[in-house]
Amino acid sequence: MPEAALRLLRLLDLLHSTPGLRGRELAGELGVTERTLRRDVDLLRSAGYLIPALPGRAGGGYRLGDRATLPPLAMSRAETAAVAVTLGAPVQWGAAPAEAGAPYSLSKLDGFLPAELRRQVTILRATSISLDRSRSRVPTERLVALAACCHVRERVTFEYEAAAGRRGVRRVEPYRLVATEEHWYLVAYDLDRSDWRTFRIDRIGELARTGWTFTPREGPDPGQLVAQAVAVAAYRYRVVAELDAPLGEVSPHVPSSVSMVEAAGERTRITFGAHRLDWAAGFLVDLGVPFVVSSPEALRCHLLNLGLRLASAHSRPTRTPRDRPSRGRQRGRAG
């Protein structure tokens, strides 16, 4: 970006963050002469910014006018959604330490967004929840469109590729967007299947808004529905176990894409899917917390047999190298 443009942006930031600065102070902050400062102020005024001059014996100063009079930012739909995801998500879902400044940045940006863009950002935040930080890359225009349909309760149709590779058209009533550790999901009522479904948004193709609105149905918790679909439903075995540790100690170490966790008194109930019993056993053991398996019975038997084999293999004293006779002694005995 040209130096002059960067200086204008810096000037806008100073006017917004420290209103009433004298011209001499502004020029010093920018590293320019007061003449250059006056020219920069005139450029901003010609672009539509309201910057009244403040009289004063020390050279006067400037302040930024009402933010509602500022010209709109030129942002595309994709940029708007990106702002909502990267800055709006920490506000709703809890900012990580590295993102501690995001809420303040978002509050400043919200004030400058034109009404339509600000409405889109607000809708996307209001219709999205997170189980973890999503890594999935999906077209931001699709997120914006789906969020808008969730907000106004508008039926949509779209092409969808199922996990097995089957393609088809779905007619749904969209309800919520959910972000997991790996993907974004749409929770919706499938009109052709008369049931609630979850759809991976990166598998959604061409989207068509119908213009038909609907009355919200009484439905399941969207986060639980996605967690069930991602962590349990697609697997051969459904594992339920109780861990001898509180929920707060367990949940940070178990991604929602792997397992569902919930409080069970002072303990934690964990539910996940597995294709193999040995993997399920290894996963539970690796958590490093005492546990009891409720189901399936096959896993309880597997763990019992595994424990017996391990106990048998390690019940005999281990012979150290000092206990073993040397080769010379062995040859001597043999001969």
Protein backbone atom coordinates (compact mmCIF):
# COMPACT_ATOMS: atom_id res chain seq x y z
CA MET A 1 0.00 0.00 0.00
CA PRO A 2 1.42 3.48 -0.87
CA GLU A 3 2.87 5.46 2.02
CA ALA A 4 0.30 8.26 1.61
CA ALA A 5 -2.59 5.78 1.90
CA LEU A 6 -1.09 4.22 5.01
CA ARG A 7 -0.70 7.68 6.52
CA LEU A 8 -4.38 8.46 5.88
CA LEU A 9 -5.42 5.24 7.61
CA ARG A 10 -3.16 6.08 10.53
CA LEU A 11 -4.67 9.56 10.70
CA LEU A 12 -8.18 8.09 10.82
CA ASP A 13 -7.14 5.79 13.64
CA LEU A 14 -5.66 8.68 15.64
CA LEU A 15 -8.77 10.81 15.13
CA HIS A 16 -10.95 7.92 16.31
CA SER A 17 -8.88 6.78 19.28
CA THR A 18 -7.75 10.18 20.61
CA PRO A 19 -10.32 12.82 19.65
CA GLY A 20 -9.41 16.49 20.03
CA LEU A 21 -5.69 16.21 19.28
CA ARG A 22 -4.08 19.50 18.27
CA GLY A 23 -2.76 19.79 14.74
CA ARG A 24 0.81 19.99 15.95
CA GLU A 25 0.39 16.75 17.94
CA LEU A 26 -1.20 14.93 15.02
CA ALA A 27 1.58 16.04 12.67
CA GLY A 28 4.17 14.83 15.17
CA GLU A 29 2.50 11.43 15.49
CA LEU A 30 2.45 11.06 11.71
CA GLY A 31 5.93 12.46 11.17
CA VAL A 32 4.77 15.15 8.71
CA THR A 33 4.52 18.91 8.64
CA GLU A 34 1.33 20.69 9.68
CA ARG A 35 0.88 21.73 6.05
CA THR A 36 0.89 18.08 4.96
CA LEU A 37 -1.51 17.27 7.78
CA ARG A 38 -3.97 19.91 6.57
CA ARG A 39 -3.75 18.48 3.04
CA ASP A 40 -4.43 14.96 4.38
CA VAL A 41 -7.42 16.19 6.36
CA ASP A 42 -8.79 17.86 3.23
CA LEU A 43 -8.38 14.58 1.31
CA LEU A 44 -10.38 12.71 3.95
CA ARG A 45 -13.08 15.38 3.92
CA SER A 46 -13.34 15.13 0.13
CA ALA A 47 -13.81 11.37 0.53
CA GLY A 48 -16.85 12.00 2.75
CA TYR A 49 -15.41 11.95 6.27
CA LEU A 50 -16.75 14.60 8.62
CA ILE A 51 -13.71 16.12 10.37
CA PRO A 52 -14.57 19.45 12.06
CA ALA A 53 -11.73 21.76 13.04
CA LEU A 54 -11.43 22.67 16.69
CA PRO A 55 -10.35 26.28 17.36
CA GLY A 56 -7.61 26.94 19.88
CA ARG A 57 -4.81 29.28 20.72
CA ALA A 58 -2.26 26.47 20.37
CA GLY A 59 -3.05 25.91 16.71
CA GLY A 60 -6.42 24.22 17.01
CA GLY A 61 -7.14 20.57 16.40
CA TYR A 62 -9.45 18.08 14.73
CA ARG A 63 -12.02 15.51 15.73
CA LEU A 64 -13.82 12.77 13.85
CA GLY A 65 -17.52 13.35 13.26
CA ASP A 66 -20.39 11.01 14.00
CA ARG A 67 -19.51 7.50 12.78
CA ALA A 68 -22.90 7.24 11.10
CA THR A 69 -21.76 9.89 8.62
CA LEU A 70 -18.66 7.95 7.57
CA PRO A 71 -18.65 6.52 4.05
CA PRO A 72 -19.21 2.75 3.86
CA LEU A 73 -16.29 0.35 3.75
CA ALA A 74 -15.92 -1.40 0.40
CA MET A 75 -16.17 -5.02 1.50
CA SER A 76 -17.31 -8.00 -0.50
CA ARG A 77 -19.66 -10.65 0.89
CA ALA A 78 -16.69 -12.99 1.32
CA GLU A 79 -14.75 -10.35 3.25
CA THR A 80 -17.76 -9.70 5.46
CA ALA A 81 -18.08 -13.38 6.34
CA ALA A 82 -14.34 -13.60 6.96
CA VAL A 83 -14.59 -10.71 9.41
CA ALA A 84 -17.47 -12.46 11.20
CA VAL A 85 -15.64 -15.78 11.48
CA THR A 86 -12.22 -14.47 12.48
CA LEU A 87 -13.30 -11.67 14.80
CA GLY A 88 -16.88 -12.50 15.71
CA ALA A 89 -16.20 -16.10 16.68
CA PRO A 90 -13.95 -15.29 19.67
CA VAL A 91 -16.63 -12.98 21.07
CA GLN A 92 -19.24 -15.72 21.03
CA TRP A 93 -17.11 -18.78 21.67
CA GLY A 94 -14.41 -17.41 24.02
CA ALA A 95 -11.23 -15.73 22.83
CA ALA A 96 -7.97 -17.61 23.02
CA PRO A 97 -5.08 -15.71 24.63
CA ALA A 98 -3.60 -14.81 21.25
CA GLU A 99 -6.95 -13.36 20.20
CA ALA A 100 -7.54 -11.20 23.28
CA GLY A 101 -7.67 -8.03 21.18
CA ALA A 102 -10.26 -9.40 18.77
CA PRO A 103 -13.37 -8.22 20.68
CA TYR A 104 -12.06 -4.64 20.77
CA SER A 105 -11.12 -4.76 17.09
CA LEU A 106 -14.57 -6.12 16.29
CA SER A 107 -16.34 -3.40 18.27
CA LYS A 108 -14.46 -0.73 16.34
CA LEU A 109 -15.10 -2.39 13.00
CA ASP A 110 -18.82 -2.84 13.71
CA GLY A 111 -19.19 0.90 14.07
CA PHE A 112 -17.85 1.53 10.58
CA LEU A 113 -19.68 -1.25 8.73
CA PRO A 114 -22.57 -0.16 6.52
CA ALA A 115 -25.95 -1.30 7.80
CA GLU A 116 -26.36 -4.22 5.36
CA LEU A 117 -22.89 -5.62 6.00
CA ARG A 118 -23.29 -5.19 9.75
CA ARG A 119 -26.60 -7.07 9.53
CA GLN A 120 -24.93 -9.99 7.71
CA VAL A 121 -22.16 -10.17 10.31
CA THR A 122 -24.68 -10.13 13.16
CA ILE A 123 -26.79 -12.88 11.55
CA LEU A 124 -23.77 -15.11 10.98
CA ARG A 125 -22.76 -14.79 14.64
CA ALA A 126 -26.30 -15.35 15.91
CA THR A 127 -26.90 -18.51 13.85
CA SER A 128 -23.53 -20.19 14.49
CA ILE A 129 -22.20 -22.18 17.41
CA SER A 130 -18.87 -23.93 17.87
CA LEU A 131 -17.86 -27.25 19.35
CA ASP A 132 -14.21 -26.48 18.59
CA ARG A 133 -12.32 -24.15 16.28
CA SER A 134 -13.22 -25.24 12.76
CA ARG A 135 -10.39 -25.87 10.29
CA SER A 136 -12.65 -26.47 7.33
CA ARG A 137 -12.34 -24.13 4.37
CA VAL A 138 -15.74 -23.40 2.85
CA PRO A 139 -16.87 -20.58 0.55
CA THR A 140 -17.72 -17.68 2.83
CA GLU A 141 -20.56 -16.67 0.53
CA ARG A 142 -22.19 -20.03 1.33
CA LEU A 143 -21.87 -19.40 5.07
CA VAL A 144 -23.44 -15.97 4.69
CA ALA A 145 -26.32 -17.33 2.57
CA LEU A 146 -27.05 -20.23 4.93
CA ALA A 147 -26.83 -17.97 7.99
CA ALA A 148 -29.33 -15.60 6.40
CA CYS A 149 -31.75 -18.47 5.68
CA CYS A 150 -31.43 -19.71 9.27
CA HIS A 151 -32.17 -16.21 10.50
CA VAL A 152 -35.30 -15.55 8.43
CA ARG A 153 -36.47 -19.21 8.52
CA GLU A 154 -36.40 -19.69 4.77
CA ARG A 155 -36.44 -23.09 3.09
CA VAL A 156 -33.52 -23.89 0.80
CA THR A 157 -32.60 -26.57 -1.71
CA PHE A 158 -29.07 -27.63 -2.53
CA GLU A 159 -27.00 -30.32 -4.15
CA TYR A 160 -25.29 -32.54 -1.60
CA GLU A 161 -22.61 -35.23 -1.75
CA ALA A 162 -23.03 -37.80 1.02
CA ALA A 163 -20.11 -39.57 2.69
CA ALA A 164 -20.46 -42.59 0.39
CA GLY A 165 -20.17 -40.34 -2.66
CA ARG A 166 -23.87 -40.34 -3.52
CA ARG A 167 -25.15 -37.05 -4.91
CA GLY A 168 -28.65 -35.70 -4.68
CA VAL A 169 -30.82 -32.66 -4.10
CA ARG A 170 -31.99 -31.89 -0.56
CA ARG A 171 -34.93 -29.71 0.50
CA VAL A 172 -34.47 -28.50 4.05
CA GLU A 173 -35.52 -26.06 6.72
CA PRO A 174 -32.18 -24.64 7.97
CA TYR A 175 -31.80 -24.17 11.70
CA ARG A 176 -28.18 -23.63 12.83
CA LEU A 177 -24.56 -23.57 11.66
CA VAL A 178 -22.15 -25.55 13.83
CA ALA A 179 -18.34 -25.47 13.70
CA THR A 180 -16.37 -28.48 14.93
CA GLU A 181 -12.63 -29.01 15.12
CA GLU A 182 -12.53 -30.04 11.46
CA HIS A 183 -15.67 -28.90 9.60
CA TRP A 184 -18.67 -26.60 9.41
CA TYR A 185 -22.10 -28.27 9.57
CA LEU A 186 -25.65 -27.20 8.82
CA VAL A 187 -28.33 -28.55 11.17
CA ALA A 188 -31.63 -28.68 9.28
CA TYR A 189 -34.93 -30.50 9.02
CA ASP A 190 -34.92 -32.66 5.89
CA LEU A 191 -38.35 -32.32 4.29
CA ASP A 192 -38.04 -35.43 2.12
CA ARG A 193 -36.88 -37.65 5.00
CA SER A 194 -39.09 -36.04 7.66
CA ASP A 195 -36.25 -35.95 10.14
CA TRP A 196 -33.42 -33.79 11.45
CA ARG A 197 -30.12 -34.08 9.60
CA THR A 198 -26.61 -32.65 9.68
CA PHE A 199 -24.87 -31.59 6.46
CA ARG A 200 -21.18 -30.88 6.02
CA ILE A 201 -21.14 -27.46 4.42
CA ASP A 202 -18.06 -28.19 2.29
CA ARG A 203 -20.14 -30.95 0.61
CA ILE A 204 -23.02 -28.62 -0.22
CA GLY A 205 -23.07 -27.61 -3.86
CA GLU A 206 -25.30 -25.11 -5.61
CA LEU A 207 -27.63 -23.43 -3.15
CA ALA A 208 -31.08 -22.07 -4.04
CA ARG A 209 -33.23 -19.93 -1.78
CA THR A 210 -36.92 -20.71 -2.25
CA GLY A 211 -38.53 -17.63 -0.71
CA TRP A 212 -40.81 -19.89 1.36
CA THR A 213 -40.58 -19.33 5.10
CA PHE A 214 -41.42 -21.88 7.78
CA THR A 215 -42.46 -22.03 11.42
CA PRO A 216 -39.60 -23.34 13.61
CA ARG A 217 -40.05 -26.92 14.77
CA GLU A 218 -39.26 -28.29 18.21
CA GLY A 219 -35.94 -29.95 17.57
CA PRO A 220 -32.86 -31.46 19.22
CA ASP A 221 -29.91 -29.51 20.54
CA PRO A 222 -27.88 -28.68 17.40
CA GLY A 223 -24.50 -29.12 19.08
CA GLN A 224 -25.44 -32.53 20.46
CA LEU A 225 -26.87 -33.60 17.11
CA VAL A 226 -23.62 -32.76 15.29
CA ALA A 227 -21.47 -34.32 18.01
CA GLN A 228 -23.55 -37.51 17.81
CA ALA A 229 -23.24 -37.65 14.02
CA VAL A 230 -19.51 -36.92 13.97
CA ALA A 231 -18.25 -38.88 16.96
CA VAL A 232 -20.64 -41.81 17.24
CA ALA A 233 -23.13 -42.57 14.47
CA ALA A 234 -20.72 -43.48 11.69
CA TYR A 235 -18.95 -46.28 13.61
CA ARG A 236 -19.54 -49.97 14.31
CA TYR A 237 -19.36 -49.71 18.10
CA ARG A 238 -20.94 -47.08 20.33
CA VAL A 239 -18.78 -46.79 23.43
CA VAL A 240 -20.02 -45.30 26.71
CA ALA A 241 -17.72 -45.03 29.71
CA GLU A 242 -17.43 -43.05 32.93
CA LEU A 243 -14.12 -41.43 33.83
CA ASP A 244 -13.06 -40.80 37.41
CA ALA A 245 -12.39 -37.10 36.76
CA PRO A 246 -14.52 -33.94 36.53
CA LEU A 247 -15.71 -32.63 33.19
CA GLY A 248 -13.39 -29.62 33.31
CA GLU A 249 -10.32 -31.85 33.39
CA VAL A 250 -11.45 -34.16 30.60
CA SER A 251 -13.12 -31.96 27.94
CA PRO A 252 -10.00 -29.93 26.95
CA HIS A 253 -8.26 -33.17 25.94
CA VAL A 254 -11.12 -34.75 23.97
CA PRO A 255 -12.04 -33.01 20.67
CA SER A 256 -15.72 -33.03 19.79
CA SER A 257 -14.87 -34.76 16.51
CA VAL A 258 -13.70 -37.77 18.56
CA SER A 259 -16.10 -38.01 21.48
CA MET A 260 -19.05 -36.51 23.32
CA VAL A 261 -18.40 -35.61 26.96
CA GLU A 262 -20.86 -34.63 29.68
CA ALA A 263 -20.86 -34.30 33.43
CA ALA A 264 -22.00 -37.31 35.48
CA GLY A 265 -21.95 -35.90 38.97
CA GLU A 266 -18.29 -35.48 39.91
CA ARG A 267 -17.30 -37.85 37.12
CA THR A 268 -17.41 -37.51 33.31
CA ARG A 269 -19.41 -39.61 30.88
CA ILE A 270 -17.72 -40.09 27.52
CA THR A 271 -19.44 -41.41 24.40
CA PHE A 272 -17.65 -42.14 21.14
CA GLY A 273 -17.64 -44.44 18.15
CA ALA A 274 -15.05 -46.99 17.07
CA HIS A 275 -14.66 -49.57 14.33
CA ARG A 276 -12.21 -51.66 16.39
CA LEU A 277 -12.30 -52.68 20.05
CA ASP A 278 -8.52 -52.46 20.43
CA TRP A 279 -8.58 -48.83 19.27
CA ALA A 280 -11.35 -48.00 21.75
CA ALA A 281 -9.42 -49.65 24.57
CA GLY A 282 -6.25 -47.78 23.65
CA PHE A 283 -8.08 -44.47 23.47
CA LEU A 284 -9.55 -44.88 26.96
CA VAL A 285 -6.26 -46.04 28.48
CA ASP A 286 -4.36 -43.16 26.88
CA LEU A 287 -6.58 -40.65 28.67
CA GLY A 288 -4.69 -41.58 31.83
CA VAL A 289 -7.80 -41.55 34.04
CA PRO A 290 -9.47 -44.51 35.80
CA PHE A 291 -12.60 -45.51 33.89
CA VAL A 292 -15.46 -48.01 33.79
CA VAL A 293 -17.05 -49.06 30.50
CA SER A 294 -20.85 -49.19 30.45
CA SER A 295 -21.19 -50.46 26.88
CA PRO A 296 -20.68 -52.33 24.67
CA GLU A 297 -20.26 -55.60 26.50
CA ALA A 298 -17.78 -56.70 23.83
CA LEU A 299 -15.41 -53.92 24.90
CA ARG A 300 -15.74 -54.90 28.57
CA CYS A 301 -14.76 -58.48 27.64
CA HIS A 302 -11.90 -57.22 25.48
CA LEU A 303 -10.53 -55.10 28.32
CA LEU A 304 -10.87 -57.97 30.80
CA ASN A 305 -9.01 -60.39 28.52
CA LEU A 306 -6.39 -57.75 27.76
CA GLY A 307 -5.89 -57.14 31.48
CA LEU A 308 -5.53 -60.84 32.20
CA ARG A 309 -2.96 -61.26 29.42
CA LEU A 310 -0.98 -58.25 30.64
CA ALA A 311 -1.14 -59.40 34.25
CA SER A 312 0.01 -62.89 33.28
CA ALA A 313 2.87 -61.58 31.16
CA HIS A 314 4.10 -59.24 33.88
CA SER A 315 3.44 -61.30 37.00
CA ARG A 316 6.72 -63.27 36.68
CA PRO A 317 9.89 -61.55 37.94
CA THR A 318 11.93 -60.08 35.16
CA ARG A 319 15.45 -61.46 34.90
CA THR A 320 18.03 -58.72 34.72
CA PRO A 321 21.29 -59.13 32.75
CA ARG A 322 23.14 -59.86 36.07
CA ASP A 323 20.84 -62.80 36.70
CA ARG A 324 21.59 -64.39 33.36
CA PRO A 325 24.57 -66.75 33.12
CA SER A 326 27.28 -65.69 30.69
CA ARG A 327 27.76 -67.57 27.48
CA GLY A 328 30.96 -68.95 28.87
CA ARG A 329 29.21 -70.37 31.92
CA GLN A 330 26.43 -71.75 29.70
CA ARG A 331 29.00 -73.46 27.49
CA GLY A 332 30.76 -74.81 30.51
CA ARG A 333 27.59 -76.32 31.91
CA ALA A 334 26.77 -77.80 28.55
CA GLY A 335 30.15 -79.34 28.11
